[in-house]
Amino acid sequence: MLKLYSHWRSSCSFRVRIALNLKGLKYEYKAVNLRKGEQFSAEFTKLNPIGYVPVLVDGDMVLADSLAIIMYLEEKYPQQPPLLPQDIQKKAINYQAASIVSSSIQPLQNVATLNFIEEKLGPNAQLAWAKHHVEKGFIALERLLKDHAGRFATGDEIYLVWFPASFVSVPADLFLAPQIYAAFTRFNVDKTQFPILSRLHEAYNEIPAFQDAMPEKQPDAPLISTS
Protein backbone atom coordinates (compact mmCIF):
# COMPACT_ATOMS: atom_id res chain seq x y z
CA MET A 1 0.00 0.00 0.00
CA LEU A 2 1.08 3.55 -0.64
CA LYS A 3 2.32 5.51 2.36
CA LEU A 4 1.89 9.27 2.65
CA TYR A 5 3.94 11.20 5.18
CA SER A 6 1.78 14.21 5.85
CA HIS A 7 0.94 16.98 8.29
CA TRP A 8 -2.72 17.84 8.71
CA ARG A 9 -2.24 21.57 8.12
CA SER A 10 0.36 21.40 5.37
CA SER A 11 -1.07 22.76 2.13
CA CYS A 12 1.48 20.75 0.14
CA SER A 13 0.27 17.56 1.82
CA PHE A 14 -3.32 18.70 1.23
CA ARG A 15 -2.65 18.81 -2.54
CA VAL A 16 -1.40 15.25 -2.59
CA ARG A 17 -4.29 13.99 -0.48
CA ILE A 18 -6.70 15.46 -3.04
CA ALA A 19 -4.81 13.80 -5.90
CA LEU A 20 -4.86 10.42 -4.17
CA ASN A 21 -8.58 10.80 -3.52
CA LEU A 22 -9.30 11.80 -7.11
CA LYS A 23 -7.39 8.76 -8.34
CA GLY A 24 -9.25 6.54 -5.88
CA LEU A 25 -6.00 5.27 -4.38
CA LYS A 26 -5.84 3.85 -0.87
CA TYR A 27 -2.90 4.88 1.28
CA GLU A 28 -1.53 4.66 4.78
CA TYR A 29 -1.39 8.04 6.53
CA LYS A 30 1.88 8.65 8.36
CA ALA A 31 1.64 11.79 10.49
CA VAL A 32 4.66 14.10 10.80
CA ASN A 33 4.34 16.68 13.58
CA LEU A 34 5.95 19.83 12.19
CA ARG A 35 5.46 21.74 15.44
CA LYS A 36 7.54 19.16 17.29
CA GLY A 37 10.20 19.14 14.57
CA GLU A 38 9.66 15.53 13.55
CA GLN A 39 10.48 16.51 9.95
CA PHE A 40 14.10 16.97 11.03
CA SER A 41 14.42 13.55 12.68
CA ALA A 42 16.99 11.10 11.37
CA GLU A 43 14.19 8.75 10.34
CA PHE A 44 12.37 11.34 8.26
CA THR A 45 15.41 13.01 6.67
CA LYS A 46 16.36 9.62 5.28
CA LEU A 47 13.17 9.94 3.25
CA ASN A 48 13.53 13.63 2.43
CA PRO A 49 16.87 15.25 3.32
CA ILE A 50 15.42 18.77 3.18
CA GLY A 51 12.89 17.90 5.86
CA TYR A 52 9.63 18.85 4.16
CA VAL A 53 6.30 17.07 3.85
CA PRO A 54 4.77 15.43 1.92
CA VAL A 55 6.67 12.26 1.10
CA LEU A 56 5.10 9.38 -0.80
CA VAL A 57 6.46 5.84 -0.46
CA ASP A 58 5.41 3.39 -3.16
CA GLY A 59 7.28 0.15 -2.60
CA ASP A 60 10.95 0.96 -3.17
CA MET A 61 10.08 4.36 -4.61
CA VAL A 62 10.43 7.32 -2.22
CA LEU A 63 9.29 10.63 -3.63
CA ALA A 64 9.14 14.08 -2.06
CA ASP A 65 7.67 17.39 -3.32
CA SER A 66 3.97 17.67 -4.00
CA LEU A 67 4.21 18.43 -7.73
CA ALA A 68 6.60 15.54 -8.31
CA ILE A 69 4.26 13.22 -6.40
CA ILE A 70 1.17 14.39 -8.28
CA MET A 71 2.84 13.95 -11.67
CA TYR A 72 4.14 10.52 -10.62
CA LEU A 73 0.62 9.46 -9.70
CA GLU A 74 -0.63 10.75 -13.04
CA GLU A 75 1.99 8.75 -14.94
CA LYS A 76 1.68 5.55 -12.92
CA TYR A 77 -2.11 5.46 -12.73
CA PRO A 78 -3.27 6.86 -16.09
CA GLN A 79 -6.30 4.55 -16.11
CA GLN A 80 -7.77 6.49 -13.20
CA PRO A 81 -9.31 9.91 -13.96
CA PRO A 82 -6.60 12.10 -15.54
CA LEU A 83 -5.19 15.06 -13.64
CA LEU A 84 -4.43 17.20 -16.70
CA PRO A 85 -6.47 18.42 -19.66
CA GLN A 86 -5.22 17.39 -23.09
CA ASP A 87 -5.76 20.85 -24.57
CA ILE A 88 -2.31 22.46 -24.63
CA GLN A 89 -3.53 25.96 -23.76
CA LYS A 90 -5.62 24.71 -20.83
CA LYS A 91 -2.67 22.64 -19.67
CA ALA A 92 -0.37 25.67 -19.82
CA ILE A 93 -2.76 27.79 -17.73
CA ASN A 94 -2.97 24.92 -15.22
CA TYR A 95 0.81 24.88 -14.90
CA GLN A 96 0.98 28.66 -14.56
CA ALA A 97 -1.65 28.82 -11.82
CA ALA A 98 -0.04 25.93 -9.96
CA SER A 99 3.36 27.62 -10.24
CA ILE A 100 2.08 30.90 -8.78
CA VAL A 101 0.87 29.01 -5.72
CA SER A 102 3.88 26.71 -5.33
CA SER A 103 6.64 29.23 -6.01
CA SER A 104 5.24 32.69 -5.24
CA ILE A 105 2.79 32.15 -2.36
CA GLN A 106 3.21 28.95 -0.35
CA PRO A 107 6.97 29.18 0.33
CA LEU A 108 6.46 32.64 1.82
CA GLN A 109 3.84 31.46 4.34
CA ASN A 110 5.00 27.98 5.28
CA VAL A 111 5.97 27.00 8.82
CA ALA A 112 9.72 27.43 8.30
CA THR A 113 9.33 30.93 6.86
CA LEU A 114 6.86 32.10 9.50
CA ASN A 115 9.10 30.77 12.27
CA PHE A 116 11.99 32.75 10.80
CA ILE A 117 9.86 35.91 10.59
CA GLU A 118 8.83 35.47 14.22
CA GLU A 119 12.45 35.02 15.27
CA LYS A 120 13.63 38.14 13.43
CA LEU A 121 10.63 40.47 13.73
CA GLY A 122 8.48 39.11 16.55
CA PRO A 123 5.24 37.07 16.65
CA ASN A 124 3.04 39.97 15.59
CA ALA A 125 4.81 40.14 12.21
CA GLN A 126 3.82 36.65 11.09
CA LEU A 127 0.22 37.30 10.10
CA ALA A 128 0.95 40.58 8.31
CA TRP A 129 3.79 38.96 6.37
CA ALA A 130 1.73 35.97 5.28
CA LYS A 131 -1.35 38.03 4.44
CA HIS A 132 0.67 40.41 2.27
CA HIS A 133 2.22 37.67 0.17
CA VAL A 134 -0.97 35.65 -0.12
CA GLU A 135 -2.93 38.68 -1.30
CA LYS A 136 -0.21 39.60 -3.81
CA GLY A 137 -0.43 36.11 -5.29
CA PHE A 138 -4.23 36.13 -5.26
CA ILE A 139 -4.32 39.36 -7.25
CA ALA A 140 -2.19 37.65 -9.90
CA LEU A 141 -4.39 34.54 -9.88
CA GLU A 142 -7.58 36.57 -10.28
CA ARG A 143 -6.07 38.29 -13.32
CA LEU A 144 -4.83 35.03 -14.79
CA LEU A 145 -8.08 33.12 -14.37
CA LYS A 146 -10.58 35.82 -15.29
CA ASP A 147 -10.65 34.74 -18.95
CA HIS A 148 -10.38 31.02 -18.25
CA ALA A 149 -12.34 30.07 -15.13
CA GLY A 150 -15.64 28.28 -15.45
CA ARG A 151 -17.04 26.21 -12.64
CA PHE A 152 -13.43 25.42 -11.83
CA ALA A 153 -10.06 27.03 -12.50
CA THR A 154 -9.74 26.58 -16.25
CA GLY A 155 -13.21 25.70 -17.43
CA ASP A 156 -16.02 23.23 -17.07
CA GLU A 157 -15.71 20.40 -19.56
CA ILE A 158 -12.36 20.57 -21.37
CA TYR A 159 -11.09 17.04 -20.71
CA LEU A 160 -11.26 17.48 -17.01
CA VAL A 161 -11.71 15.06 -14.15
CA TRP A 162 -15.35 14.05 -14.02
CA PHE A 163 -17.69 13.92 -11.08
CA PRO A 164 -21.46 13.67 -11.14
CA ALA A 165 -22.77 17.04 -12.37
CA SER A 166 -19.33 18.66 -12.23
CA PHE A 167 -15.87 18.82 -13.72
CA VAL A 168 -12.62 19.86 -12.07
CA SER A 169 -9.40 21.09 -13.67
CA VAL A 170 -6.12 19.91 -12.22
CA PRO A 171 -3.36 20.43 -11.26
CA ALA A 172 -4.44 24.06 -10.91
CA ASP A 173 -7.36 23.18 -8.64
CA LEU A 174 -5.22 20.84 -6.54
CA PHE A 175 -2.91 23.75 -5.79
CA LEU A 176 -5.57 26.43 -5.53
CA ALA A 177 -7.92 24.64 -3.12
CA PRO A 178 -5.45 24.28 -0.21
CA GLN A 179 -4.07 27.78 -0.70
CA ILE A 180 -7.50 29.41 -0.76
CA TYR A 181 -8.52 27.37 2.30
CA ALA A 182 -5.44 28.56 4.21
CA ALA A 183 -5.94 32.16 3.15
CA PHE A 184 -9.54 32.32 4.33
CA THR A 185 -9.17 30.25 7.52
CA ARG A 186 -5.67 31.11 8.76
CA PHE A 187 -4.52 34.42 7.30
CA ASN A 188 -7.65 36.59 7.48
CA VAL A 189 -7.74 37.28 3.76
CA ASP A 190 -10.96 39.06 2.78
CA LYS A 191 -12.72 36.70 0.38
CA THR A 192 -14.88 39.51 -1.02
CA GLN A 193 -11.77 40.98 -2.63
CA PHE A 194 -11.24 37.83 -4.69
CA PRO A 195 -14.55 36.81 -6.29
CA ILE A 196 -13.19 34.16 -8.65
CA LEU A 197 -11.18 32.42 -5.95
CA SER A 198 -14.10 32.66 -3.53
CA ARG A 199 -16.38 31.01 -6.07
CA LEU A 200 -13.83 28.26 -6.67
CA HIS A 201 -13.55 27.73 -2.91
CA GLU A 202 -17.28 27.09 -2.68
CA ALA A 203 -17.15 24.70 -5.64
CA TYR A 204 -14.29 22.69 -4.13
CA ASN A 205 -16.22 22.30 -0.90
CA GLU A 206 -18.90 20.35 -2.77
CA ILE A 207 -16.53 17.63 -4.04
CA PRO A 208 -15.99 14.57 -1.81
CA ALA A 209 -12.35 14.11 -2.89
CA PHE A 210 -11.60 17.64 -1.70
CA GLN A 211 -13.77 17.37 1.41
CA ASP A 212 -12.04 14.19 2.58
CA ALA A 213 -8.63 15.83 2.18
CA MET A 214 -9.52 18.79 4.42
CA PRO A 215 -7.04 19.47 7.24
CA GLU A 216 -9.57 19.08 10.03
CA LYS A 217 -10.48 15.58 8.78
CA GLN A 218 -6.95 14.18 9.06
CA PRO A 219 -6.04 11.77 11.86
CA ASP A 220 -3.38 14.10 13.28
CA ALA A 221 -5.63 17.17 13.37
CA PRO A 222 -6.10 18.48 16.92
CA LEU A 223 -9.41 17.75 18.56
CA ILE A 224 -11.65 20.78 18.98
CA SER A 225 -13.30 20.94 22.38
CA THR A 226 -17.05 21.48 22.39
CA SER A 227 -17.22 22.31 26.09
C-alpha atoms as a PDB file:
ATOM      1  CA  MET A   1       0.000   0.000   0.000  1.00  0.00           C
ATOM      2  CA  LEU A   2       1.082   3.554  -0.645  1.00  0.00           C
ATOM      3  CA  LYS A   3       2.320   5.507   2.365  1.00  0.00           C
ATOM      4  CA  LEU A   4       1.891   9.270   2.647  1.00  0.00           C
ATOM      5  CA  TYR A   5       3.944  11.196   5.179  1.00  0.00           C
ATOM      6  CA  SER A   6       1.778  14.205   5.850  1.00  0.00           C
ATOM      7  CA  HIS A   7       0.935  16.978   8.286  1.00  0.00           C
ATOM      8  CA  TRP A   8      -2.715  17.844   8.712  1.00  0.00           C
ATOM      9  CA  ARG A   9      -2.245  21.569   8.125  1.00  0.00           C
ATOM     10  CA  SER A  10       0.357  21.401   5.367  1.00  0.00           C
ATOM     11  CA  SER A  11      -1.073  22.756   2.128  1.00  0.00           C
ATOM     12  CA  CYS A  12       1.485  20.749   0.137  1.00  0.00           C
ATOM     13  CA  SER A  13       0.274  17.565   1.819  1.00  0.00           C
ATOM     14  CA  PHE A  14      -3.315  18.702   1.230  1.00  0.00           C
ATOM     15  CA  ARG A  15      -2.652  18.813  -2.542  1.00  0.00           C
ATOM     16  CA  VAL A  16      -1.402  15.251  -2.592  1.00  0.00           C
ATOM     17  CA  ARG A  17      -4.294  13.992  -0.478  1.00  0.00           C
ATOM     18  CA  ILE A  18      -6.696  15.464  -3.040  1.00  0.00           C
ATOM     19  CA  ALA A  19      -4.810  13.801  -5.903  1.00  0.00           C
ATOM     20  CA  LEU A  20      -4.860  10.419  -4.167  1.00  0.00           C
ATOM     21  CA  ASN A  21      -8.579  10.796  -3.518  1.00  0.00           C
ATOM     22  CA  LEU A  22      -9.304  11.801  -7.108  1.00  0.00           C
ATOM     23  CA  LYS A  23      -7.394   8.759  -8.338  1.00  0.00           C
ATOM     24  CA  GLY A  24      -9.250   6.545  -5.881  1.00  0.00           C
ATOM     25  CA  LEU A  25      -6.000   5.275  -4.381  1.00  0.00           C
ATOM     26  CA  LYS A  26      -5.843   3.845  -0.866  1.00  0.00           C
ATOM     27  CA  TYR A  27      -2.897   4.883   1.281  1.00  0.00           C
ATOM     28  CA  GLU A  28      -1.528   4.660   4.785  1.00  0.00           C
ATOM     29  CA  TYR A  29      -1.394   8.040   6.527  1.00  0.00           C
ATOM     30  CA  LYS A  30       1.882   8.653   8.358  1.00  0.00           C
ATOM     31  CA  ALA A  31       1.640  11.793  10.493  1.00  0.00           C
ATOM     32  CA  VAL A  32       4.657  14.095  10.797  1.00  0.00           C
ATOM     33  CA  ASN A  33       4.339  16.679  13.576  1.00  0.00           C
ATOM     34  CA  LEU A  34       5.947  19.830  12.191  1.00  0.00           C
ATOM     35  CA  ARG A  35       5.459  21.735  15.444  1.00  0.00           C
ATOM     36  CA  LYS A  36       7.542  19.161  17.289  1.00  0.00           C
ATOM     37  CA  GLY A  37      10.199  19.141  14.571  1.00  0.00           C
ATOM     38  CA  GLU A  38       9.660  15.528  13.549  1.00  0.00           C
ATOM     39  CA  GLN A  39      10.477  16.507   9.951  1.00  0.00           C
ATOM     40  CA  PHE A  40      14.104  16.966  11.034  1.00  0.00           C
ATOM     41  CA  SER A  41      14.424  13.550  12.678  1.00  0.00           C
ATOM     42  CA  ALA A  42      16.987  11.098  11.373  1.00  0.00           C
ATOM     43  CA  GLU A  43      14.194   8.751  10.341  1.00  0.00           C
ATOM     44  CA  PHE A  44      12.370  11.344   8.263  1.00  0.00           C
ATOM     45  CA  THR A  45      15.410  13.006   6.671  1.00  0.00           C
ATOM     46  CA  LYS A  46      16.359   9.616   5.277  1.00  0.00           C
ATOM     47  CA  LEU A  47      13.174   9.936   3.245  1.00  0.00           C
ATOM     48  CA  ASN A  48      13.532  13.631   2.434  1.00  0.00           C
ATOM     49  CA  PRO A  49      16.872  15.255   3.321  1.00  0.00           C
ATOM     50  CA  ILE A  50      15.422  18.773   3.175  1.00  0.00           C
ATOM     51  CA  GLY A  51      12.893  17.902   5.860  1.00  0.00           C
ATOM     52  CA  TYR A  52       9.630  18.854   4.157  1.00  0.00           C
ATOM     53  CA  VAL A  53       6.301  17.071   3.847  1.00  0.00           C
ATOM     54  CA  PRO A  54       4.775  15.435   1.918  1.00  0.00           C
ATOM     55  CA  VAL A  55       6.665  12.255   1.103  1.00  0.00           C
ATOM     56  CA  LEU A  56       5.100   9.375  -0.804  1.00  0.00           C
ATOM     57  CA  VAL A  57       6.455   5.844  -0.457  1.00  0.00           C
ATOM     58  CA  ASP A  58       5.407   3.393  -3.161  1.00  0.00           C
ATOM     59  CA  GLY A  59       7.281   0.149  -2.600  1.00  0.00           C
ATOM     60  CA  ASP A  60      10.947   0.957  -3.172  1.00  0.00           C
ATOM     61  CA  MET A  61      10.078   4.362  -4.612  1.00  0.00           C
ATOM     62  CA  VAL A  62      10.426   7.324  -2.222  1.00  0.00           C
ATOM     63  CA  LEU A  63       9.288  10.634  -3.633  1.00  0.00           C
ATOM     64  CA  ALA A  64       9.142  14.083  -2.063  1.00  0.00           C
ATOM     65  CA  ASP A  65       7.673  17.391  -3.324  1.00  0.00           C
ATOM     66  CA  SER A  66       3.969  17.671  -3.997  1.00  0.00           C
ATOM     67  CA  LEU A  67       4.210  18.433  -7.726  1.00  0.00           C
ATOM     68  CA  ALA A  68       6.598  15.537  -8.315  1.00  0.00           C
ATOM     69  CA  ILE A  69       4.261  13.216  -6.399  1.00  0.00           C
ATOM     70  CA  ILE A  70       1.171  14.385  -8.284  1.00  0.00           C
ATOM     71  CA  MET A  71       2.840  13.950 -11.675  1.00  0.00           C
ATOM     72  CA  TYR A  72       4.143  10.523 -10.617  1.00  0.00           C
ATOM     73  CA  LEU A  73       0.621   9.463  -9.699  1.00  0.00           C
ATOM     74  CA  GLU A  74      -0.634  10.749 -13.044  1.00  0.00           C
ATOM     75  CA  GLU A  75       1.991   8.748 -14.945  1.00  0.00           C
ATOM     76  CA  LYS A  76       1.683   5.552 -12.917  1.00  0.00           C
ATOM     77  CA  TYR A  77      -2.109   5.458 -12.730  1.00  0.00           C
ATOM     78  CA  PRO A  78      -3.269   6.862 -16.092  1.00  0.00           C
ATOM     79  CA  GLN A  79      -6.298   4.546 -16.114  1.00  0.00           C
ATOM     80  CA  GLN A  80      -7.768   6.494 -13.203  1.00  0.00           C
ATOM     81  CA  PRO A  81      -9.314   9.908 -13.959  1.00  0.00           C
ATOM     82  CA  PRO A  82      -6.601  12.104 -15.538  1.00  0.00           C
ATOM     83  CA  LEU A  83      -5.188  15.058 -13.642  1.00  0.00           C
ATOM     84  CA  LEU A  84      -4.433  17.200 -16.698  1.00  0.00           C
ATOM     85  CA  PRO A  85      -6.469  18.423 -19.660  1.00  0.00           C
ATOM     86  CA  GLN A  86      -5.216  17.387 -23.094  1.00  0.00           C
ATOM     87  CA  ASP A  87      -5.762  20.852 -24.571  1.00  0.00           C
ATOM     88  CA  ILE A  88      -2.307  22.459 -24.635  1.00  0.00           C
ATOM     89  CA  GLN A  89      -3.525  25.958 -23.760  1.00  0.00           C
ATOM     90  CA  LYS A  90      -5.615  24.710 -20.835  1.00  0.00           C
ATOM     91  CA  LYS A  91      -2.666  22.642 -19.673  1.00  0.00           C
ATOM     92  CA  ALA A  92      -0.367  25.672 -19.816  1.00  0.00           C
ATOM     93  CA  ILE A  93      -2.756  27.786 -17.726  1.00  0.00           C
ATOM     94  CA  ASN A  94      -2.971  24.923 -15.220  1.00  0.00           C
ATOM     95  CA  TYR A  95       0.808  24.879 -14.901  1.00  0.00           C
ATOM     96  CA  GLN A  96       0.983  28.662 -14.556  1.00  0.00           C
ATOM     97  CA  ALA A  97      -1.650  28.821 -11.815  1.00  0.00           C
ATOM     98  CA  ALA A  98      -0.037  25.929  -9.959  1.00  0.00           C
ATOM     99  CA  SER A  99       3.355  27.623 -10.236  1.00  0.00           C
ATOM    100  CA  ILE A 100       2.077  30.904  -8.782  1.00  0.00           C
ATOM    101  CA  VAL A 101       0.875  29.006  -5.724  1.00  0.00           C
ATOM    102  CA  SER A 102       3.875  26.710  -5.334  1.00  0.00           C
ATOM    103  CA  SER A 103       6.641  29.235  -6.011  1.00  0.00           C
ATOM    104  CA  SER A 104       5.241  32.691  -5.242  1.00  0.00           C
ATOM    105  CA  ILE A 105       2.791  32.147  -2.365  1.00  0.00           C
ATOM    106  CA  GLN A 106       3.205  28.948  -0.353  1.00  0.00           C
ATOM    107  CA  PRO A 107       6.972  29.175   0.334  1.00  0.00           C
ATOM    108  CA  LEU A 108       6.460  32.642   1.823  1.00  0.00           C
ATOM    109  CA  GLN A 109       3.840  31.464   4.338  1.00  0.00           C
ATOM    110  CA  ASN A 110       5.000  27.981   5.283  1.00  0.00           C
ATOM    111  CA  VAL A 111       5.974  26.998   8.818  1.00  0.00           C
ATOM    112  CA  ALA A 112       9.719  27.432   8.304  1.00  0.00           C
ATOM    113  CA  THR A 113       9.326  30.931   6.858  1.00  0.00           C
ATOM    114  CA  LEU A 114       6.860  32.095   9.497  1.00  0.00           C
ATOM    115  CA  ASN A 115       9.097  30.768  12.268  1.00  0.00           C
ATOM    116  CA  PHE A 116      11.988  32.746  10.798  1.00  0.00           C
ATOM    117  CA  ILE A 117       9.861  35.912  10.585  1.00  0.00           C
ATOM    118  CA  GLU A 118       8.833  35.469  14.218  1.00  0.00           C
ATOM    119  CA  GLU A 119      12.453  35.018  15.269  1.00  0.00           C
ATOM    120  CA  LYS A 120      13.630  38.139  13.430  1.00  0.00           C
ATOM    121  CA  LEU A 121      10.632  40.471  13.733  1.00  0.00           C
ATOM    122  CA  GLY A 122       8.476  39.109  16.550  1.00  0.00           C
ATOM    123  CA  PRO A 123       5.239  37.074  16.655  1.00  0.00           C
ATOM    124  CA  ASN A 124       3.042  39.968  15.588  1.00  0.00           C
ATOM    125  CA  ALA A 125       4.806  40.137  12.215  1.00  0.00           C
ATOM    126  CA  GLN A 126       3.819  36.649  11.086  1.00  0.00           C
ATOM    127  CA  LEU A 127       0.221  37.296  10.095  1.00  0.00           C
ATOM    128  CA  ALA A 128       0.947  40.581   8.306  1.00  0.00           C
ATOM    129  CA  TRP A 129       3.790  38.962   6.368  1.00  0.00           C
ATOM    130  CA  ALA A 130       1.726  35.967   5.283  1.00  0.00           C
ATOM    131  CA  LYS A 131      -1.354  38.025   4.441  1.00  0.00           C
ATOM    132  CA  HIS A 132       0.673  40.415   2.268  1.00  0.00           C
ATOM    133  CA  HIS A 133       2.218  37.671   0.168  1.00  0.00           C
ATOM    134  CA  VAL A 134      -0.975  35.649  -0.125  1.00  0.00           C
ATOM    135  CA  GLU A 135      -2.930  38.681  -1.303  1.00  0.00           C
ATOM    136  CA  LYS A 136      -0.211  39.598  -3.809  1.00  0.00           C
ATOM    137  CA  GLY A 137      -0.429  36.109  -5.293  1.00  0.00           C
ATOM    138  CA  PHE A 138      -4.232  36.127  -5.259  1.00  0.00           C
ATOM    139  CA  ILE A 139      -4.316  39.360  -7.247  1.00  0.00           C
ATOM    140  CA  ALA A 140      -2.193  37.650  -9.904  1.00  0.00           C
ATOM    141  CA  LEU A 141      -4.391  34.542  -9.883  1.00  0.00           C
ATOM    142  CA  GLU A 142      -7.576  36.572 -10.278  1.00  0.00           C
ATOM    143  CA  ARG A 143      -6.070  38.293 -13.320  1.00  0.00           C
ATOM    144  CA  LEU A 144      -4.827  35.025 -14.794  1.00  0.00           C
ATOM    145  CA  LEU A 145      -8.083  33.123 -14.366  1.00  0.00           C
ATOM    146  CA  LYS A 146     -10.583  35.824 -15.285  1.00  0.00           C
ATOM    147  CA  ASP A 147     -10.654  34.745 -18.947  1.00  0.00           C
ATOM    148  CA  HIS A 148     -10.381  31.020 -18.253  1.00  0.00           C
ATOM    149  CA  ALA A 149     -12.341  30.070 -15.134  1.00  0.00           C
ATOM    150  CA  GLY A 150     -15.640  28.276 -15.452  1.00  0.00           C
ATOM    151  CA  ARG A 151     -17.042  26.209 -12.639  1.00  0.00           C
ATOM    152  CA  PHE A 152     -13.428  25.424 -11.832  1.00  0.00           C
ATOM    153  CA  ALA A 153     -10.061  27.032 -12.498  1.00  0.00           C
ATOM    154  CA  THR A 154      -9.739  26.576 -16.246  1.00  0.00           C
ATOM    155  CA  GLY A 155     -13.210  25.702 -17.429  1.00  0.00           C
ATOM    156  CA  ASP A 156     -16.019  23.225 -17.069  1.00  0.00           C
ATOM    157  CA  GLU A 157     -15.707  20.402 -19.559  1.00  0.00           C
ATOM    158  CA  ILE A 158     -12.365  20.569 -21.372  1.00  0.00           C
ATOM    159  CA  TYR A 159     -11.094  17.038 -20.709  1.00  0.00           C
ATOM    160  CA  LEU A 160     -11.264  17.482 -17.012  1.00  0.00           C
ATOM    161  CA  VAL A 161     -11.713  15.058 -14.148  1.00  0.00           C
ATOM    162  CA  TRP A 162     -15.351  14.046 -14.022  1.00  0.00           C
ATOM    163  CA  PHE A 163     -17.687  13.922 -11.083  1.00  0.00           C
ATOM    164  CA  PRO A 164     -21.462  13.673 -11.140  1.00  0.00           C
ATOM    165  CA  ALA A 165     -22.766  17.041 -12.373  1.00  0.00           C
ATOM    166  CA  SER A 166     -19.332  18.659 -12.225  1.00  0.00           C
ATOM    167  CA  PHE A 167     -15.869  18.822 -13.719  1.00  0.00           C
ATOM    168  CA  VAL A 168     -12.624  19.858 -12.075  1.00  0.00           C
ATOM    169  CA  SER A 169      -9.400  21.086 -13.667  1.00  0.00           C
ATOM    170  CA  VAL A 170      -6.121  19.908 -12.221  1.00  0.00           C
ATOM    171  CA  PRO A 171      -3.355  20.431 -11.265  1.00  0.00           C
ATOM    172  CA  ALA A 172      -4.441  24.064 -10.907  1.00  0.00           C
ATOM    173  CA  ASP A 173      -7.358  23.183  -8.643  1.00  0.00           C
ATOM    174  CA  LEU A 174      -5.218  20.838  -6.544  1.00  0.00           C
ATOM    175  CA  PHE A 175      -2.906  23.749  -5.795  1.00  0.00           C
ATOM    176  CA  LEU A 176      -5.574  26.432  -5.529  1.00  0.00           C
ATOM    177  CA  ALA A 177      -7.915  24.636  -3.123  1.00  0.00           C
ATOM    178  CA  PRO A 178      -5.447  24.281  -0.209  1.00  0.00           C
ATOM    179  CA  GLN A 179      -4.066  27.783  -0.702  1.00  0.00           C
ATOM    180  CA  ILE A 180      -7.498  29.414  -0.757  1.00  0.00           C
ATOM    181  CA  TYR A 181      -8.517  27.371   2.296  1.00  0.00           C
ATOM    182  CA  ALA A 182      -5.445  28.563   4.214  1.00  0.00           C
ATOM    183  CA  ALA A 183      -5.939  32.164   3.145  1.00  0.00           C
ATOM    184  CA  PHE A 184      -9.543  32.321   4.333  1.00  0.00           C
ATOM    185  CA  THR A 185      -9.170  30.252   7.515  1.00  0.00           C
ATOM    186  CA  ARG A 186      -5.665  31.115   8.764  1.00  0.00           C
ATOM    187  CA  PHE A 187      -4.522  34.421   7.305  1.00  0.00           C
ATOM    188  CA  ASN A 188      -7.649  36.595   7.479  1.00  0.00           C
ATOM    189  CA  VAL A 189      -7.742  37.285   3.758  1.00  0.00           C
ATOM    190  CA  ASP A 190     -10.959  39.062   2.780  1.00  0.00           C
ATOM    191  CA  LYS A 191     -12.724  36.704   0.378  1.00  0.00           C
ATOM    192  CA  THR A 192     -14.885  39.508  -1.020  1.00  0.00           C
ATOM    193  CA  GLN A 193     -11.769  40.976  -2.625  1.00  0.00           C
ATOM    194  CA  PHE A 194     -11.236  37.827  -4.686  1.00  0.00           C
ATOM    195  CA  PRO A 195     -14.553  36.812  -6.291  1.00  0.00           C
ATOM    196  CA  ILE A 196     -13.186  34.163  -8.651  1.00  0.00           C
ATOM    197  CA  LEU A 197     -11.175  32.424  -5.953  1.00  0.00           C
ATOM    198  CA  SER A 198     -14.103  32.663  -3.531  1.00  0.00           C
ATOM    199  CA  ARG A 199     -16.385  31.011  -6.075  1.00  0.00           C
ATOM    200  CA  LEU A 200     -13.831  28.257  -6.668  1.00  0.00           C
ATOM    201  CA  HIS A 201     -13.549  27.734  -2.912  1.00  0.00           C
ATOM    202  CA  GLU A 202     -17.277  27.091  -2.684  1.00  0.00           C
ATOM    203  CA  ALA A 203     -17.149  24.700  -5.636  1.00  0.00           C
ATOM    204  CA  TYR A 204     -14.289  22.692  -4.132  1.00  0.00           C
ATOM    205  CA  ASN A 205     -16.219  22.297  -0.896  1.00  0.00           C
ATOM    206  CA  GLU A 206     -18.896  20.353  -2.769  1.00  0.00           C
ATOM    207  CA  ILE A 207     -16.532  17.627  -4.044  1.00  0.00           C
ATOM    208  CA  PRO A 208     -15.987  14.566  -1.810  1.00  0.00           C
ATOM    209  CA  ALA A 209     -12.349  14.109  -2.888  1.00  0.00           C
ATOM    210  CA  PHE A 210     -11.599  17.637  -1.699  1.00  0.00           C
ATOM    211  CA  GLN A 211     -13.772  17.370   1.413  1.00  0.00           C
ATOM    212  CA  ASP A 212     -12.038  14.194   2.584  1.00  0.00           C
ATOM    213  CA  ALA A 213      -8.626  15.833   2.180  1.00  0.00           C
ATOM    214  CA  MET A 214      -9.519  18.786   4.423  1.00  0.00           C
ATOM    215  CA  PRO A 215      -7.035  19.468   7.236  1.00  0.00           C
ATOM    216  CA  GLU A 216      -9.573  19.075  10.029  1.00  0.00           C
ATOM    217  CA  LYS A 217     -10.482  15.575   8.780  1.00  0.00           C
ATOM    218  CA  GLN A 218      -6.952  14.182   9.056  1.00  0.00           C
ATOM    219  CA  PRO A 219      -6.044  11.772  11.861  1.00  0.00           C
ATOM    220  CA  ASP A 220      -3.379  14.102  13.284  1.00  0.00           C
ATOM    221  CA  ALA A 221      -5.635  17.171  13.369  1.00  0.00           C
ATOM    222  CA  PRO A 222      -6.102  18.478  16.922  1.00  0.00           C
ATOM    223  CA  LEU A 223      -9.410  17.745  18.563  1.00  0.00           C
ATOM    224  CA  ILE A 224     -11.653  20.782  18.982  1.00  0.00           C
ATOM    225  CA  SER A 225     -13.302  20.945  22.381  1.00  0.00           C
ATOM    226  CA  THR A 226     -17.046  21.479  22.389  1.00  0.00           C
ATOM    227  CA  SER A 227     -17.216  22.314  26.091  1.00  0.00           C
END
